[in-house]
Protein backbone atom coordinates (compact mmCIF):
# COMPACT_ATOMS: atom_id res chain seq x y z
CA MET A 1 -26.95 2.60 60.70
CA THR A 2 -29.16 1.47 57.86
CA GLU A 3 -29.75 -1.76 56.04
CA THR A 4 -28.22 -1.76 52.57
CA ALA A 5 -29.65 -3.72 49.61
CA LEU A 6 -26.24 -4.43 48.06
CA PRO A 7 -23.00 -4.74 50.06
CA PRO A 8 -21.23 -1.35 49.95
CA ARG A 9 -17.95 -1.48 48.08
CA ARG A 10 -16.00 0.88 50.33
CA ALA A 11 -16.81 -0.65 53.71
CA ARG A 12 -19.51 -2.37 55.66
CA ALA A 13 -20.15 -3.87 59.06
CA GLU A 14 -21.99 -7.16 58.64
CA ILE A 15 -24.27 -7.86 61.58
CA ASP A 16 -25.19 -11.54 61.92
CA LEU A 17 -28.56 -11.55 63.67
CA GLY A 18 -28.55 -15.34 63.62
CA ALA A 19 -25.39 -15.28 65.73
CA LEU A 20 -26.97 -12.75 68.07
CA ARG A 21 -30.04 -14.92 68.58
CA ALA A 22 -27.81 -17.94 69.22
CA ASN A 23 -25.86 -15.96 71.82
CA VAL A 24 -29.03 -14.92 73.63
CA ARG A 25 -30.19 -18.53 73.73
CA ALA A 26 -26.77 -19.64 74.99
CA LEU A 27 -26.82 -17.02 77.74
CA ARG A 28 -30.35 -17.98 78.74
CA ALA A 29 -29.23 -21.59 79.02
CA ARG A 30 -26.65 -20.53 81.63
CA VAL A 31 -29.22 -19.16 84.06
CA ALA A 32 -31.97 -20.82 86.06
CA PRO A 33 -35.44 -20.97 84.46
CA HIS A 34 -36.84 -18.29 86.78
CA VAL A 35 -34.05 -15.80 86.00
CA ARG A 36 -34.94 -13.22 83.38
CA VAL A 37 -32.53 -11.94 80.75
CA MET A 38 -32.07 -8.26 79.94
CA ALA A 39 -30.57 -7.61 76.51
CA VAL A 40 -28.42 -4.50 76.86
CA VAL A 41 -28.64 -2.42 73.68
CA LYS A 42 -27.04 0.81 74.86
CA ALA A 43 -24.68 2.75 72.56
CA ASP A 44 -26.65 1.63 69.50
CA ALA A 45 -26.31 -1.98 70.67
CA TYR A 46 -22.55 -1.63 71.07
CA GLY A 47 -22.38 -0.34 67.52
CA HIS A 48 -24.48 -3.15 66.04
CA GLY A 49 -27.79 -1.28 65.61
CA ALA A 50 -30.16 -0.98 68.57
CA GLU A 51 -33.55 -1.55 66.99
CA ARG A 52 -32.60 -4.59 64.89
CA CYS A 53 -30.61 -6.17 67.70
CA ALA A 54 -33.33 -5.51 70.27
CA ARG A 55 -35.90 -7.24 68.10
CA ALA A 56 -33.60 -10.20 67.44
CA ALA A 57 -32.82 -10.56 71.15
CA LEU A 58 -36.51 -10.51 72.05
CA ASP A 59 -37.19 -13.11 69.36
CA ALA A 60 -34.55 -15.32 70.99
CA GLY A 61 -36.12 -15.09 74.43
CA ALA A 62 -34.83 -11.94 76.12
CA ASP A 63 -37.33 -10.58 78.65
CA TRP A 64 -36.07 -7.01 79.19
CA LEU A 65 -34.10 -4.40 77.28
CA GLY A 66 -31.52 -2.11 78.81
CA THR A 67 -30.11 1.25 77.70
CA ALA A 68 -27.88 3.85 79.25
CA THR A 69 -29.67 7.07 78.30
CA PRO A 70 -33.37 7.88 78.25
CA GLN A 71 -33.03 9.02 74.65
CA GLU A 72 -31.90 5.51 73.67
CA ALA A 73 -34.85 3.97 75.48
CA LEU A 74 -37.36 6.41 74.02
CA ALA A 75 -36.02 5.67 70.52
CA LEU A 76 -36.86 1.99 71.03
CA ARG A 77 -40.41 2.90 71.99
CA ALA A 78 -40.68 5.26 68.99
CA ALA A 79 -39.58 2.36 66.78
CA GLY A 80 -42.59 0.40 67.98
CA ILE A 81 -40.89 -1.81 70.55
CA THR A 82 -43.61 -1.92 73.18
CA GLY A 83 -44.95 -4.47 75.61
CA VAL A 84 -41.47 -5.20 76.99
CA PRO A 85 -39.85 -3.50 80.00
CA VAL A 86 -36.94 -1.19 79.21
CA LEU A 87 -34.56 -0.02 81.92
CA CYS A 88 -32.48 3.11 81.36
CA TRP A 89 -29.97 4.11 84.00
CA LEU A 90 -27.96 7.19 83.07
CA TRP A 91 -30.17 10.15 83.91
CA THR A 92 -29.04 13.73 84.39
CA PRO A 93 -30.92 16.73 85.80
CA GLY A 94 -33.54 18.02 83.37
CA ASP A 95 -33.78 14.77 81.39
CA PRO A 96 -37.19 13.78 79.92
CA TRP A 97 -38.76 12.16 82.96
CA ASP A 98 -42.27 13.02 81.74
CA ALA A 99 -41.68 11.19 78.47
CA GLY A 100 -40.14 8.28 80.36
CA ILE A 101 -43.25 7.89 82.47
CA GLU A 102 -45.54 8.14 79.46
CA ALA A 103 -43.46 5.53 77.62
CA GLY A 104 -43.57 3.16 80.58
CA LEU A 105 -39.80 3.08 81.01
CA ASP A 106 -38.09 1.75 84.11
CA MET A 107 -35.94 4.63 85.31
CA ALA A 108 -32.93 4.23 87.56
CA VAL A 109 -32.71 6.44 90.65
CA SER A 110 -29.36 6.76 92.40
CA GLY A 111 -30.02 9.73 94.67
CA ARG A 112 -32.54 12.19 96.09
CA TRP A 113 -32.26 14.69 93.23
CA ALA A 114 -33.39 12.03 90.76
CA LEU A 115 -36.24 10.88 92.98
CA ASP A 116 -37.35 14.48 93.37
CA GLU A 117 -37.35 15.02 89.58
CA VAL A 118 -39.20 11.82 88.79
CA THR A 119 -41.87 12.41 91.43
CA ALA A 120 -42.36 15.97 90.14
CA ALA A 121 -42.81 14.50 86.65
CA ALA A 122 -45.34 12.01 87.99
CA ARG A 123 -47.37 14.86 89.46
CA ARG A 124 -47.25 16.72 86.15
CA THR A 125 -48.26 13.75 84.02
CA GLY A 126 -50.66 12.13 86.44
CA GLY A 127 -48.85 8.82 85.91
CA THR A 128 -46.98 6.44 88.16
CA ALA A 129 -43.26 6.27 87.46
CA ARG A 130 -41.56 2.89 87.33
CA VAL A 131 -38.26 3.37 89.16
CA GLN A 132 -35.38 1.13 90.13
CA LEU A 133 -33.14 2.10 93.02
CA LYS A 134 -29.47 1.63 92.21
CA ALA A 135 -27.01 0.82 94.98
CA ASP A 136 -23.33 1.71 94.87
CA THR A 137 -21.89 -1.48 96.32
CA GLY A 138 -18.29 -0.58 95.55
CA LEU A 139 -17.93 0.45 91.90
CA GLY A 140 -17.86 4.11 92.89
CA ARG A 141 -19.74 5.35 89.84
CA ASN A 142 -23.51 5.77 89.69
CA GLY A 143 -25.63 4.47 92.55
CA CYS A 144 -26.52 5.34 96.12
CA GLN A 145 -23.91 4.89 98.82
CA PRO A 146 -24.83 2.52 101.70
CA ALA A 147 -24.82 5.42 104.16
CA ASP A 148 -27.45 7.26 102.10
CA TRP A 149 -29.53 4.17 101.29
CA PRO A 150 -31.95 4.34 104.26
CA ALA A 151 -32.96 7.91 103.39
CA LEU A 152 -33.45 7.07 99.69
CA VAL A 153 -35.49 3.98 100.53
CA ALA A 154 -37.65 5.97 102.96
CA GLU A 155 -38.37 8.69 100.39
CA ALA A 156 -39.11 6.11 97.69
CA LEU A 157 -41.59 4.35 99.99
CA LYS A 158 -43.24 7.67 100.76
CA ALA A 159 -43.59 8.44 97.04
CA GLU A 160 -44.91 4.93 96.45
CA LYS A 161 -47.63 5.42 99.06
CA GLU A 162 -48.65 8.61 97.27
CA GLY A 163 -48.98 6.67 94.03
CA LEU A 164 -46.22 8.67 92.36
CA VAL A 165 -43.78 5.81 91.85
CA LYS A 166 -43.63 2.04 91.81
CA VAL A 167 -40.25 0.63 92.83
CA THR A 168 -39.81 -2.16 90.30
CA GLY A 169 -36.21 -3.05 90.98
CA LEU A 170 -33.17 -2.93 93.23
CA TRP A 171 -29.81 -3.27 91.51
CA SER A 172 -26.11 -2.61 91.34
CA HIS A 173 -23.07 -3.15 89.08
CA PHE A 174 -19.77 -4.99 89.51
CA ALA A 175 -16.35 -3.38 89.23
CA CYS A 176 -14.22 -6.47 88.61
CA ALA A 177 -16.45 -9.39 87.61
CA ASP A 178 -14.19 -9.86 84.59
CA GLU A 179 -11.25 -10.66 86.89
CA PRO A 180 -11.82 -14.16 88.28
CA GLY A 181 -11.29 -14.36 92.02
CA HIS A 182 -10.99 -10.61 92.56
CA PRO A 183 -11.84 -9.91 96.23
CA SER A 184 -14.13 -7.02 95.32
CA ILE A 185 -16.63 -9.47 93.79
CA THR A 186 -17.46 -11.11 97.12
CA ALA A 187 -17.28 -7.76 98.91
CA GLN A 188 -19.77 -6.15 96.53
CA LEU A 189 -22.08 -9.12 96.68
CA ASP A 190 -22.14 -8.93 100.48
CA VAL A 191 -22.94 -5.21 100.38
CA PHE A 192 -25.64 -5.78 97.79
CA ARG A 193 -27.32 -8.48 99.86
CA SER A 194 -27.23 -6.19 102.90
CA MET A 195 -28.79 -3.29 100.99
CA LEU A 196 -31.43 -5.58 99.50
CA ASP A 197 -32.27 -6.89 102.96
CA TYR A 198 -32.65 -3.37 104.33
CA ALA A 199 -34.90 -2.18 101.49
CA GLU A 200 -37.12 -5.26 101.55
CA LYS A 201 -37.53 -5.18 105.34
CA ALA A 202 -38.46 -1.51 105.02
CA GLY A 203 -41.29 -2.47 102.67
CA ILE A 204 -39.88 -2.37 99.12
CA GLU A 205 -41.26 -5.22 97.01
CA PRO A 206 -39.20 -5.23 93.81
CA GLU A 207 -40.10 -7.16 90.69
CA VAL A 208 -36.42 -7.79 90.01
CA ARG A 209 -33.12 -7.68 91.88
CA HIS A 210 -30.01 -7.72 89.70
CA ILE A 211 -26.27 -7.16 89.63
CA ALA A 212 -24.90 -9.62 87.03
CA ASN A 213 -23.29 -8.16 83.92
CA SER A 214 -21.81 -10.26 81.07
CA PRO A 215 -18.89 -11.81 82.98
CA ALA A 216 -21.04 -12.50 86.03
CA THR A 217 -23.73 -14.04 83.85
CA LEU A 218 -21.13 -16.35 82.35
CA THR A 219 -19.14 -17.31 85.44
CA LEU A 220 -20.89 -16.36 88.71
CA PRO A 221 -24.26 -18.11 89.09
CA GLU A 222 -24.55 -16.92 92.70
CA THR A 223 -24.98 -13.37 91.35
CA HIS A 224 -27.94 -14.04 89.06
CA PHE A 225 -30.79 -13.21 91.50
CA ASP A 226 -33.94 -12.45 89.43
CA LEU A 227 -32.36 -11.03 86.28
CA VAL A 228 -29.03 -10.89 84.43
CA ARG A 229 -27.82 -8.08 82.15
CA PRO A 230 -25.59 -9.44 79.37
CA GLY A 231 -24.15 -6.72 77.19
CA ILE A 232 -20.96 -7.45 75.25
CA ALA A 233 -21.49 -11.22 75.53
CA MET A 234 -24.74 -10.93 73.59
CA TYR A 235 -22.69 -9.64 70.65
CA GLY A 236 -20.40 -12.67 70.83
CA VAL A 237 -17.38 -10.89 72.28
CA SER A 238 -15.64 -12.32 75.34
CA PRO A 239 -15.82 -9.87 78.27
CA ALA A 240 -12.18 -10.62 79.08
CA PRO A 241 -9.47 -12.92 77.73
CA GLU A 242 -9.04 -14.34 81.24
CA LEU A 243 -12.55 -15.80 81.03
CA GLY A 244 -11.91 -17.52 77.69
CA THR A 245 -12.33 -16.80 74.03
CA SER A 246 -15.73 -16.30 72.46
CA ALA A 247 -15.69 -19.88 71.19
CA GLU A 248 -14.69 -21.25 74.59
CA LEU A 249 -17.63 -19.38 76.12
CA GLY A 250 -20.05 -20.73 73.52
CA LEU A 251 -20.53 -17.36 71.82
CA ARG A 252 -20.41 -16.29 68.15
CA PRO A 253 -19.14 -12.80 67.24
CA VAL A 254 -21.93 -10.84 65.58
CA MET A 255 -20.03 -8.07 63.77
CA SER A 256 -17.61 -8.42 60.87
CA LEU A 257 -15.88 -5.29 59.54
CA LYS A 258 -15.01 -5.47 55.84
CA ALA A 259 -13.72 -3.10 53.18
CA GLY A 260 -12.82 -3.26 49.51
CA VAL A 261 -9.17 -2.72 48.64
CA ALA A 262 -9.13 0.67 46.91
CA LEU A 263 -5.72 0.55 45.25
CA VAL A 264 -2.79 -1.83 44.75
CA LYS A 265 0.55 -0.44 43.56
CA GLU A 266 4.22 -1.32 43.33
CA VAL A 267 6.71 0.81 45.27
CA PRO A 268 10.50 0.69 45.52
CA SER A 269 12.65 -0.16 48.51
CA GLY A 270 12.96 2.64 51.06
CA HIS A 271 9.54 4.13 50.30
CA GLY A 272 7.85 5.88 53.23
CA VAL A 273 4.25 4.96 53.96
CA SER A 274 1.58 7.23 55.47
CA TYR A 275 1.99 10.20 57.81
CA GLY A 276 5.32 10.55 59.56
CA HIS A 277 6.93 7.74 57.55
CA HIS A 278 6.85 5.47 60.59
CA TYR A 279 6.93 2.62 58.10
CA VAL A 280 9.49 2.41 55.31
CA THR A 281 9.51 -0.47 52.84
CA ALA A 282 12.40 -2.90 53.31
CA GLY A 283 12.46 -3.80 49.61
CA GLU A 284 10.44 -3.59 46.45
CA THR A 285 6.89 -4.48 47.38
CA THR A 286 3.22 -3.86 46.73
CA LEU A 287 0.98 -1.73 48.91
CA GLY A 288 -2.76 -2.06 49.34
CA LEU A 289 -4.96 0.88 50.30
CA ILE A 290 -7.80 0.06 52.70
CA PRO A 291 -10.42 2.85 52.56
CA VAL A 292 -11.33 3.11 56.25
CA GLY A 293 -9.66 5.08 59.00
CA TYR A 294 -10.12 6.51 62.44
CA ALA A 295 -13.15 8.52 61.27
CA ASP A 296 -14.77 5.12 60.72
CA GLY A 297 -13.65 3.82 64.10
CA VAL A 298 -10.40 2.09 63.14
CA PRO A 299 -8.18 2.87 66.14
CA ARG A 300 -5.15 5.02 65.36
CA HIS A 301 -3.44 3.34 68.30
CA ALA A 302 -3.30 0.19 66.17
CA SER A 303 -1.01 1.89 63.65
CA GLY A 304 1.71 -0.51 62.63
CA ARG A 305 0.02 -3.40 64.43
CA GLY A 306 -3.59 -3.86 63.32
CA PRO A 307 -4.18 -7.17 61.46
CA VAL A 308 -6.19 -7.46 58.24
CA LEU A 309 -7.04 -10.51 56.12
CA VAL A 310 -6.43 -9.72 52.44
CA ASP A 311 -6.37 -12.33 49.68
CA GLY A 312 -6.09 -15.24 52.10
CA ARG A 313 -3.22 -13.83 54.19
CA ILE A 314 -3.02 -11.78 57.36
CA ARG A 315 -1.40 -8.39 56.67
CA THR A 316 -0.48 -5.68 59.15
CA VAL A 317 -1.24 -1.97 59.04
CA ALA A 318 1.83 -0.30 57.53
CA GLY A 319 2.46 3.06 59.18
CA ARG A 320 -0.15 5.38 60.57
CA VAL A 321 -3.90 4.83 60.40
CA ALA A 322 -5.22 8.06 58.84
CA MET A 323 -8.67 9.58 59.10
CA ASP A 324 -10.13 7.81 56.07
CA GLN A 325 -7.64 5.13 55.08
CA PHE A 326 -4.63 3.03 55.92
CA VAL A 327 -2.11 0.95 54.02
CA VAL A 328 -1.00 -2.68 54.22
CA ASP A 329 2.20 -4.09 52.80
CA LEU A 330 1.16 -6.91 50.48
CA GLY A 331 4.70 -8.23 50.12
CA GLY A 332 4.56 -8.40 46.35
CA ASP A 333 1.08 -9.91 46.11
CA ARG A 334 -1.25 -8.21 43.64
CA PRO A 335 -4.88 -8.73 44.58
CA ALA A 336 -7.29 -6.93 42.29
CA PRO A 337 -8.75 -3.61 43.43
CA GLY A 338 -12.05 -4.34 45.13
CA THR A 339 -10.73 -7.51 46.78
CA GLU A 340 -12.32 -7.91 50.19
CA ALA A 341 -10.25 -6.96 53.22
CA VAL A 342 -11.56 -8.28 56.54
CA LEU A 343 -10.45 -6.25 59.53
CA PHE A 344 -12.23 -8.47 62.01
CA GLY A 345 -14.94 -11.07 62.24
CA SER A 346 -15.68 -14.35 63.98
CA GLY A 347 -12.22 -15.78 63.33
CA GLU A 348 -13.79 -18.93 61.91
CA HIS A 349 -12.33 -18.30 58.45
CA GLY A 350 -8.86 -17.22 59.51
CA GLU A 351 -9.70 -13.54 59.83
CA PRO A 352 -8.67 -11.42 62.83
CA THR A 353 -11.15 -10.84 65.65
CA ALA A 354 -12.16 -7.75 67.57
CA GLN A 355 -9.97 -9.07 70.40
CA ASP A 356 -6.97 -9.10 68.05
CA TRP A 357 -7.59 -5.44 67.26
CA ALA A 358 -8.07 -4.67 70.95
CA GLU A 359 -4.65 -6.12 71.69
CA ALA A 360 -3.13 -4.19 68.78
CA ALA A 361 -4.60 -0.93 70.13
CA ASP A 362 -3.99 -1.64 73.85
CA THR A 363 -7.70 -1.48 74.63
CA ILE A 364 -10.67 -3.80 75.11
CA ALA A 365 -12.81 -5.48 72.48
CA TYR A 366 -15.87 -3.56 73.73
CA GLU A 367 -14.31 -0.38 72.36
CA ILE A 368 -13.40 -1.90 69.00
CA VAL A 369 -16.98 -2.84 68.04
CA THR A 370 -18.66 0.14 69.71
CA ARG A 371 -16.49 2.75 68.02
CA ILE A 372 -17.33 1.73 64.42
CA GLY A 373 -18.90 4.92 63.12
CA ALA A 374 -22.08 5.80 61.29
CA ARG A 375 -20.15 6.25 58.02
CA VAL A 376 -19.85 2.47 57.88
CA PRO A 377 -23.21 1.01 56.77
CA ARG A 378 -24.62 -1.88 58.78
CA VAL A 379 -25.63 -4.80 56.59
CA TYR A 380 -27.85 -7.32 58.38
CA VAL A 381 -27.53 -11.02 57.64
CA GLY A 382 -28.89 -14.13 59.34
CA GLU A 383 -32.45 -12.89 59.44
């Protein structure tokens, strides 16, 4: 995940920080002036590079950063990103609570075990832990169930009175915000409001209340509360085709995946291509070798379907995607070795998009950008 002085010949993921900053500004423009924006940079910023993207998002007006694991959050602090609140929400028993307190992280608490561990860490370090209580309003993943909420709130208030914790936030997460009109959206919002009301009447005074992810930020203003948490939208990818394309949502894709054609050769009719010979040439043709494969994050499920722009034309993966390479049928064209092949990008120049690859692999565009591996250097543009 390093910056490269010269574009690598084999492959590279170009990360347009100018596009990222524009997306953050566009997302901020969708929320009321008092609503803060959390830039979610978990999973190495969805494969884009956490530190560089975090800095660009902050430059563009983001107020908070969000990560899944404490290790991700601590890495941001180690990189010198201080003076900004960072929420991390996926804690497991034995995680580095002490370090989280010392780094001033906001740490999500979904149950008594977590509250017990963070208060024990506060006693050890002599610090006050910043915690955010997460409510399970219907997603059924992390978070405290409504039936257990009163007990968690009571214990958090007790710890707060002892100076061990400061409850900085109350929050939850949607299950189906990317499905317009889904009944669970209203149901979860009602549960969230009820759990907020209980906690605040009990004495919790949060700095922020939040539930809005990317699709809710874009389409559900009633869910914005004090803070929104755009993730995939910040990287210019539509959260769901049903909500519109990136362009229709006013977003610019940030990542472009490119490779240099490694070999062009003529083959006869009836020639099998790649493992299993699931593709056989229909006539004399030329094949182009693209030197990236599933070890680089190119989905094997897109075998025979993944689109690639080579020499001004869209080609399709011929046969199986292998670990390090795949083949395209060039139909007799003979681009020079080293010619740029664009697997996906913004789509503004006729190239495929991450959504096109998602459809080819029967998955979501989130997975396409996030899975691009460390073997593919990140090259930052748009500084």
